[in-house]
Amino acid sequence: GDLGGSRTLQKKWTTFQKARLDCSL
């Protein structure tokens, strides 16, 4: 449902987040 911001992040994701996928020993 992200519609972006009204001034900041116009037509940009306001909910974009990323994290590391750790596959390790």
PDB file of all heavy atoms in Angstrom:
ATOM      1  N   GLY A   1       0.786  -1.225   0.000  1.00  0.00           N
ATOM      2  CA  GLY A   1       0.000   0.000   0.000  1.00  0.00           C
ATOM      3  C   GLY A   1       0.815   1.271   0.000  1.00  0.00           C
ATOM      4  O   GLY A   1       0.249   2.374   0.109  1.00  0.00           O
ATOM      5  N   ASP A   2       2.132   1.179  -0.131  1.00  0.00           N
ATOM      6  CA  ASP A   2       3.012   2.352  -0.096  1.00  0.00           C
ATOM      7  C   ASP A   2       2.705   3.279  -1.277  1.00  0.00           C
ATOM      8  O   ASP A   2       2.728   2.862  -2.433  1.00  0.00           O
ATOM      9  CB  ASP A   2       4.466   1.881  -0.153  1.00  0.00           C
ATOM     10  CG  ASP A   2       5.457   2.968   0.226  1.00  0.00           C
ATOM     11  OD1 ASP A   2       5.108   4.161   0.145  1.00  0.00           O
ATOM     12  OD2 ASP A   2       6.590   2.619   0.600  1.00  0.00           O
ATOM     13  N   LEU A   3       2.429   4.551  -0.985  1.00  0.00           N
ATOM     14  CA  LEU A   3       2.139   5.546  -2.019  1.00  0.00           C
ATOM     15  C   LEU A   3       3.206   6.633  -2.078  1.00  0.00           C
ATOM     16  O   LEU A   3       3.033   7.636  -2.779  1.00  0.00           O
ATOM     17  CB  LEU A   3       0.765   6.197  -1.759  1.00  0.00           C
ATOM     18  CG  LEU A   3      -0.441   5.250  -1.716  1.00  0.00           C
ATOM     19  CD1 LEU A   3      -1.713   6.034  -1.425  1.00  0.00           C
ATOM     20  CD2 LEU A   3      -0.567   4.481  -3.015  1.00  0.00           C
ATOM     21  N   GLY A   4       4.306   6.468  -1.356  1.00  0.00           N
ATOM     22  CA  GLY A   4       5.326   7.497  -1.328  1.00  0.00           C
ATOM     23  C   GLY A   4       4.982   8.616  -0.368  1.00  0.00           C
ATOM     24  O   GLY A   4       3.928   8.613   0.277  1.00  0.00           O
ATOM     25  N   GLY A   5       5.875   9.594  -0.262  1.00  0.00           N
ATOM     26  CA  GLY A   5       5.652  10.726   0.612  1.00  0.00           C
ATOM     27  C   GLY A   5       5.053  11.905  -0.138  1.00  0.00           C
ATOM     28  O   GLY A   5       5.026  11.933  -1.367  1.00  0.00           O
ATOM     29  N   SER A   6       4.583  12.896   0.593  1.00  0.00           N
ATOM     30  CA  SER A   6       3.978  14.065  -0.054  1.00  0.00           C
ATOM     31  C   SER A   6       5.030  15.093  -0.461  1.00  0.00           C
ATOM     32  O   SER A   6       4.921  15.714  -1.514  1.00  0.00           O
ATOM     33  CB  SER A   6       2.952  14.711   0.889  1.00  0.00           C
ATOM     34  OG  SER A   6       3.578  15.126   2.097  1.00  0.00           O
ATOM     35  N   ARG A   7       6.074  15.267   0.370  1.00  0.00           N
ATOM     36  CA  ARG A   7       7.179  16.161   0.012  1.00  0.00           C
ATOM     37  C   ARG A   7       8.484  15.369  -0.080  1.00  0.00           C
ATOM     38  O   ARG A   7       9.105  15.318  -1.132  1.00  0.00           O
ATOM     39  CB  ARG A   7       7.303  17.278   1.051  1.00  0.00           C
ATOM     40  CG  ARG A   7       6.141  18.264   1.038  1.00  0.00           C
ATOM     41  CD  ARG A   7       6.379  19.419   1.996  1.00  0.00           C
ATOM     42  NE  ARG A   7       6.499  18.959   3.377  1.00  0.00           N
ATOM     43  CZ  ARG A   7       5.458  18.829   4.198  1.00  0.00           C
ATOM     44  NH1 ARG A   7       4.229  19.096   3.782  1.00  0.00           N
ATOM     45  NH2 ARG A   7       5.642  18.427   5.446  1.00  0.00           N
ATOM     46  N   THR A   8       8.880  14.779   1.009  1.00  0.00           N
ATOM     47  CA  THR A   8      10.041  13.890   1.007  1.00  0.00           C
ATOM     48  C   THR A   8       9.636  12.536   0.440  1.00  0.00           C
ATOM     49  O   THR A   8       8.541  12.049   0.708  1.00  0.00           O
ATOM     50  CB  THR A   8      10.569  13.718   2.443  1.00  0.00           C
ATOM     51  OG1 THR A   8      10.856  15.006   2.986  1.00  0.00           O
ATOM     52  CG2 THR A   8      11.823  12.867   2.471  1.00  0.00           C
ATOM     53  N   LEU A   9      10.526  11.934  -0.354  1.00  0.00           N
ATOM     54  CA  LEU A   9      10.288  10.626  -0.969  1.00  0.00           C
ATOM     55  C   LEU A   9       9.022  10.615  -1.837  1.00  0.00           C
ATOM     56  O   LEU A   9       8.246   9.664  -1.829  1.00  0.00           O
ATOM     57  CB  LEU A   9      10.207   9.520   0.102  1.00  0.00           C
ATOM     58  CG  LEU A   9      11.500   9.242   0.874  1.00  0.00           C
ATOM     59  CD1 LEU A   9      11.274   8.173   1.940  1.00  0.00           C
ATOM     60  CD2 LEU A   9      12.622   8.805  -0.070  1.00  0.00           C
ATOM     61  N   GLN A  10       8.840  11.648  -2.622  1.00  0.00           N
ATOM     62  CA  GLN A  10       7.721  11.663  -3.566  1.00  0.00           C
ATOM     63  C   GLN A  10       7.923  10.563  -4.607  1.00  0.00           C
ATOM     64  O   GLN A  10       8.969  10.470  -5.222  1.00  0.00           O
ATOM     65  CB  GLN A  10       7.630  13.018  -4.273  1.00  0.00           C
ATOM     66  CG  GLN A  10       7.137  14.142  -3.406  1.00  0.00           C
ATOM     67  CD  GLN A  10       6.946  15.428  -4.200  1.00  0.00           C
ATOM     68  OE1 GLN A  10       7.086  15.444  -5.416  1.00  0.00           O
ATOM     69  NE2 GLN A  10       6.623  16.508  -3.509  1.00  0.00           N
ATOM     70  N   LYS A  11       6.897   9.731  -4.774  1.00  0.00           N
ATOM     71  CA  LYS A  11       6.923   8.603  -5.705  1.00  0.00           C
ATOM     72  C   LYS A  11       8.108   7.679  -5.455  1.00  0.00           C
ATOM     73  O   LYS A  11       8.573   6.984  -6.349  1.00  0.00           O
ATOM     74  CB  LYS A  11       6.920   9.089  -7.156  1.00  0.00           C
ATOM     75  CG  LYS A  11       5.647   9.826  -7.537  1.00  0.00           C
ATOM     76  CD  LYS A  11       5.610  10.152  -9.016  1.00  0.00           C
ATOM     77  CE  LYS A  11       4.298  10.836  -9.391  1.00  0.00           C
ATOM     78  NZ  LYS A  11       4.226  11.169 -10.831  1.00  0.00           N
ATOM     79  N   LYS A  12       8.603   7.686  -4.218  1.00  0.00           N
ATOM     80  CA  LYS A  12       9.674   6.778  -3.794  1.00  0.00           C
ATOM     81  C   LYS A  12       9.151   5.949  -2.623  1.00  0.00           C
ATOM     82  O   LYS A  12       8.271   6.380  -1.871  1.00  0.00           O
ATOM     83  CB  LYS A  12      10.911   7.570  -3.357  1.00  0.00           C
ATOM     84  CG  LYS A  12      11.463   8.535  -4.403  1.00  0.00           C
ATOM     85  CD  LYS A  12      12.069   7.810  -5.578  1.00  0.00           C
ATOM     86  CE  LYS A  12      12.547   8.784  -6.651  1.00  0.00           C
ATOM     87  NZ  LYS A  12      13.594   9.694  -6.153  1.00  0.00           N
ATOM     88  N   TRP A  13       9.700   4.766  -2.476  1.00  0.00           N
ATOM     89  CA  TRP A  13       9.263   3.895  -1.390  1.00  0.00           C
ATOM     90  C   TRP A  13       9.538   4.547  -0.038  1.00  0.00           C
ATOM     91  O   TRP A  13      10.653   4.969   0.247  1.00  0.00           O
ATOM     92  CB  TRP A  13       9.982   2.555  -1.454  1.00  0.00           C
ATOM     93  CG  TRP A  13       9.735   1.756  -2.682  1.00  0.00           C
ATOM     94  CD1 TRP A  13      10.628   1.476  -3.680  1.00  0.00           C
ATOM     95  CD2 TRP A  13       8.523   1.091  -3.048  1.00  0.00           C
ATOM     96  NE1 TRP A  13      10.048   0.701  -4.642  1.00  0.00           N
ATOM     97  CE2 TRP A  13       8.752   0.444  -4.285  1.00  0.00           C
ATOM     98  CE3 TRP A  13       7.267   0.993  -2.456  1.00  0.00           C
ATOM     99  CZ2 TRP A  13       7.778  -0.293  -4.926  1.00  0.00           C
ATOM    100  CZ3 TRP A  13       6.283   0.259  -3.109  1.00  0.00           C
ATOM    101  CH2 TRP A  13       6.542  -0.379  -4.326  1.00  0.00           C
ATOM    102  N   THR A  14       8.537   4.585   0.791  1.00  0.00           N
ATOM    103  CA  THR A  14       8.743   4.994   2.184  1.00  0.00           C
ATOM    104  C   THR A  14       8.969   3.783   3.073  1.00  0.00           C
ATOM    105  O   THR A  14       9.339   3.928   4.243  1.00  0.00           O
ATOM    106  CB  THR A  14       7.531   5.780   2.714  1.00  0.00           C
ATOM    107  OG1 THR A  14       6.402   4.894   2.829  1.00  0.00           O
ATOM    108  CG2 THR A  14       7.173   6.930   1.797  1.00  0.00           C
ATOM    109  N   THR A  15       8.733   2.595   2.527  1.00  0.00           N
ATOM    110  CA  THR A  15       8.811   1.370   3.329  1.00  0.00           C
ATOM    111  C   THR A  15       9.977   0.480   2.918  1.00  0.00           C
ATOM    112  O   THR A  15      10.094  -0.638   3.416  1.00  0.00           O
ATOM    113  CB  THR A  15       7.499   0.569   3.208  1.00  0.00           C
ATOM    114  OG1 THR A  15       7.233   0.309   1.814  1.00  0.00           O
ATOM    115  CG2 THR A  15       6.346   1.336   3.809  1.00  0.00           C
ATOM    116  N   PHE A  16      10.834   0.950   2.006  1.00  0.00           N
ATOM    117  CA  PHE A  16      11.959   0.107   1.578  1.00  0.00           C
ATOM    118  C   PHE A  16      12.933  -0.082   2.734  1.00  0.00           C
ATOM    119  O   PHE A  16      13.437   0.864   3.321  1.00  0.00           O
ATOM    120  CB  PHE A  16      12.693   0.742   0.398  1.00  0.00           C
ATOM    121  CG  PHE A  16      13.937  -0.012  -0.002  1.00  0.00           C
ATOM    122  CD1 PHE A  16      13.841  -1.141  -0.801  1.00  0.00           C
ATOM    123  CD2 PHE A  16      15.191   0.383   0.445  1.00  0.00           C
ATOM    124  CE1 PHE A  16      14.980  -1.848  -1.165  1.00  0.00           C
ATOM    125  CE2 PHE A  16      16.335  -0.317   0.086  1.00  0.00           C
ATOM    126  CZ  PHE A  16      16.224  -1.438  -0.720  1.00  0.00           C
ATOM    127  N   GLN A  17      13.176  -1.337   3.064  1.00  0.00           N
ATOM    128  CA  GLN A  17      14.179  -1.712   4.057  1.00  0.00           C
ATOM    129  C   GLN A  17      14.897  -2.952   3.552  1.00  0.00           C
ATOM    130  O   GLN A  17      14.327  -3.760   2.813  1.00  0.00           O
ATOM    131  CB  GLN A  17      13.539  -2.009   5.410  1.00  0.00           C
ATOM    132  CG  GLN A  17      12.902  -0.806   6.085  1.00  0.00           C
ATOM    133  CD  GLN A  17      12.284  -1.180   7.430  1.00  0.00           C
ATOM    134  OE1 GLN A  17      11.465  -2.083   7.516  1.00  0.00           O
ATOM    135  NE2 GLN A  17      12.679  -0.480   8.474  1.00  0.00           N
ATOM    136  N   LYS A  18      16.126  -3.103   3.963  1.00  0.00           N
ATOM    137  CA  LYS A  18      16.882  -4.288   3.566  1.00  0.00           C
ATOM    138  C   LYS A  18      17.697  -4.783   4.747  1.00  0.00           C
ATOM    139  O   LYS A  18      18.013  -4.023   5.673  1.00  0.00           O
ATOM    140  CB  LYS A  18      17.787  -3.991   2.366  1.00  0.00           C
ATOM    141  CG  LYS A  18      18.904  -2.998   2.655  1.00  0.00           C
ATOM    142  CD  LYS A  18      19.769  -2.760   1.425  1.00  0.00           C
ATOM    143  CE  LYS A  18      20.925  -1.801   1.745  1.00  0.00           C
ATOM    144  NZ  LYS A  18      21.789  -1.569   0.557  1.00  0.00           N
ATOM    145  N   ALA A  19      18.017  -6.072   4.706  1.00  0.00           N
ATOM    146  CA  ALA A  19      18.796  -6.694   5.773  1.00  0.00           C
ATOM    147  C   ALA A  19      19.667  -7.777   5.163  1.00  0.00           C
ATOM    148  O   ALA A  19      19.427  -8.243   4.039  1.00  0.00           O
ATOM    149  CB  ALA A  19      17.883  -7.285   6.843  1.00  0.00           C
ATOM    150  N   ARG A  20      20.652  -8.180   5.910  1.00  0.00           N
ATOM    151  CA  ARG A  20      21.558  -9.214   5.413  1.00  0.00           C
ATOM    152  C   ARG A  20      20.977 -10.594   5.661  1.00  0.00           C
ATOM    153  O   ARG A  20      20.438 -10.872   6.745  1.00  0.00           O
ATOM    154  CB  ARG A  20      22.916  -9.090   6.104  1.00  0.00           C
ATOM    155  CG  ARG A  20      23.954 -10.057   5.551  1.00  0.00           C
ATOM    156  CD  ARG A  20      25.328  -9.763   6.115  1.00  0.00           C
ATOM    157  NE  ARG A  20      26.285 -10.785   5.717  1.00  0.00           N
ATOM    158  CZ  ARG A  20      27.561 -10.814   6.093  1.00  0.00           C
ATOM    159  NH1 ARG A  20      28.017  -9.840   6.887  1.00  0.00           N
ATOM    160  NH2 ARG A  20      28.361 -11.786   5.703  1.00  0.00           N
ATOM    161  N   LEU A  21      21.092 -11.442   4.665  1.00  0.00           N
ATOM    162  CA  LEU A  21      20.785 -12.866   4.803  1.00  0.00           C
ATOM    163  C   LEU A  21      22.088 -13.576   5.133  1.00  0.00           C
ATOM    164  O   LEU A  21      23.003 -13.626   4.308  1.00  0.00           O
ATOM    165  CB  LEU A  21      20.210 -13.436   3.502  1.00  0.00           C
ATOM    166  CG  LEU A  21      18.738 -13.222   3.186  1.00  0.00           C
ATOM    167  CD1 LEU A  21      18.412 -13.878   1.845  1.00  0.00           C
ATOM    168  CD2 LEU A  21      17.841 -13.789   4.277  1.00  0.00           C
ATOM    169  N   ASP A  22      22.188 -14.105   6.323  1.00  0.00           N
ATOM    170  CA  ASP A  22      23.417 -14.736   6.776  1.00  0.00           C
ATOM    171  C   ASP A  22      23.262 -16.250   6.723  1.00  0.00           C
ATOM    172  O   ASP A  22      22.450 -16.828   7.448  1.00  0.00           O
ATOM    173  CB  ASP A  22      23.744 -14.286   8.202  1.00  0.00           C
ATOM    174  CG  ASP A  22      25.083 -14.792   8.686  1.00  0.00           C
ATOM    175  OD1 ASP A  22      25.214 -16.012   8.901  1.00  0.00           O
ATOM    176  OD2 ASP A  22      26.000 -13.980   8.862  1.00  0.00           O
ATOM    177  N   CYS A  23      24.013 -16.875   5.848  1.00  0.00           N
ATOM    178  CA  CYS A  23      24.078 -18.342   5.746  1.00  0.00           C
ATOM    179  C   CYS A  23      25.519 -18.706   6.076  1.00  0.00           C
ATOM    180  O   CYS A  23      26.422 -18.475   5.270  1.00  0.00           O
ATOM    181  CB  CYS A  23      23.690 -18.789   4.334  1.00  0.00           C
ATOM    182  SG  CYS A  23      23.769 -20.576   4.042  1.00  0.00           S
ATOM    183  N   SER A  24      25.746 -19.238   7.268  1.00  0.00           N
ATOM    184  CA  SER A  24      27.128 -19.355   7.714  1.00  0.00           C
ATOM    185  C   SER A  24      27.333 -20.497   8.692  1.00  0.00           C
ATOM    186  O   SER A  24      26.384 -21.062   9.247  1.00  0.00           O
ATOM    187  CB  SER A  24      27.574 -18.043   8.374  1.00  0.00           C
ATOM    188  OG  SER A  24      26.815 -17.795   9.544  1.00  0.00           O
ATOM    189  N   LEU A  25      28.606 -20.804   8.893  1.00  0.00           N
ATOM    190  CA  LEU A  25      29.075 -21.716   9.938  1.00  0.00           C
ATOM    191  C   LEU A  25      29.958 -20.886  10.861  1.00  0.00           C
ATOM    192  O   LEU A  25      31.179 -20.790  10.663  1.00  0.00           O
ATOM    193  CB  LEU A  25      29.875 -22.872   9.336  1.00  0.00           C
ATOM    194  CG  LEU A  25      29.111 -23.823   8.410  1.00  0.00           C
ATOM    195  CD1 LEU A  25      30.071 -24.750   7.694  1.00  0.00           C
ATOM    196  CD2 LEU A  25      28.091 -24.614   9.204  1.00  0.00           C
TER     197      LEU A  25
END
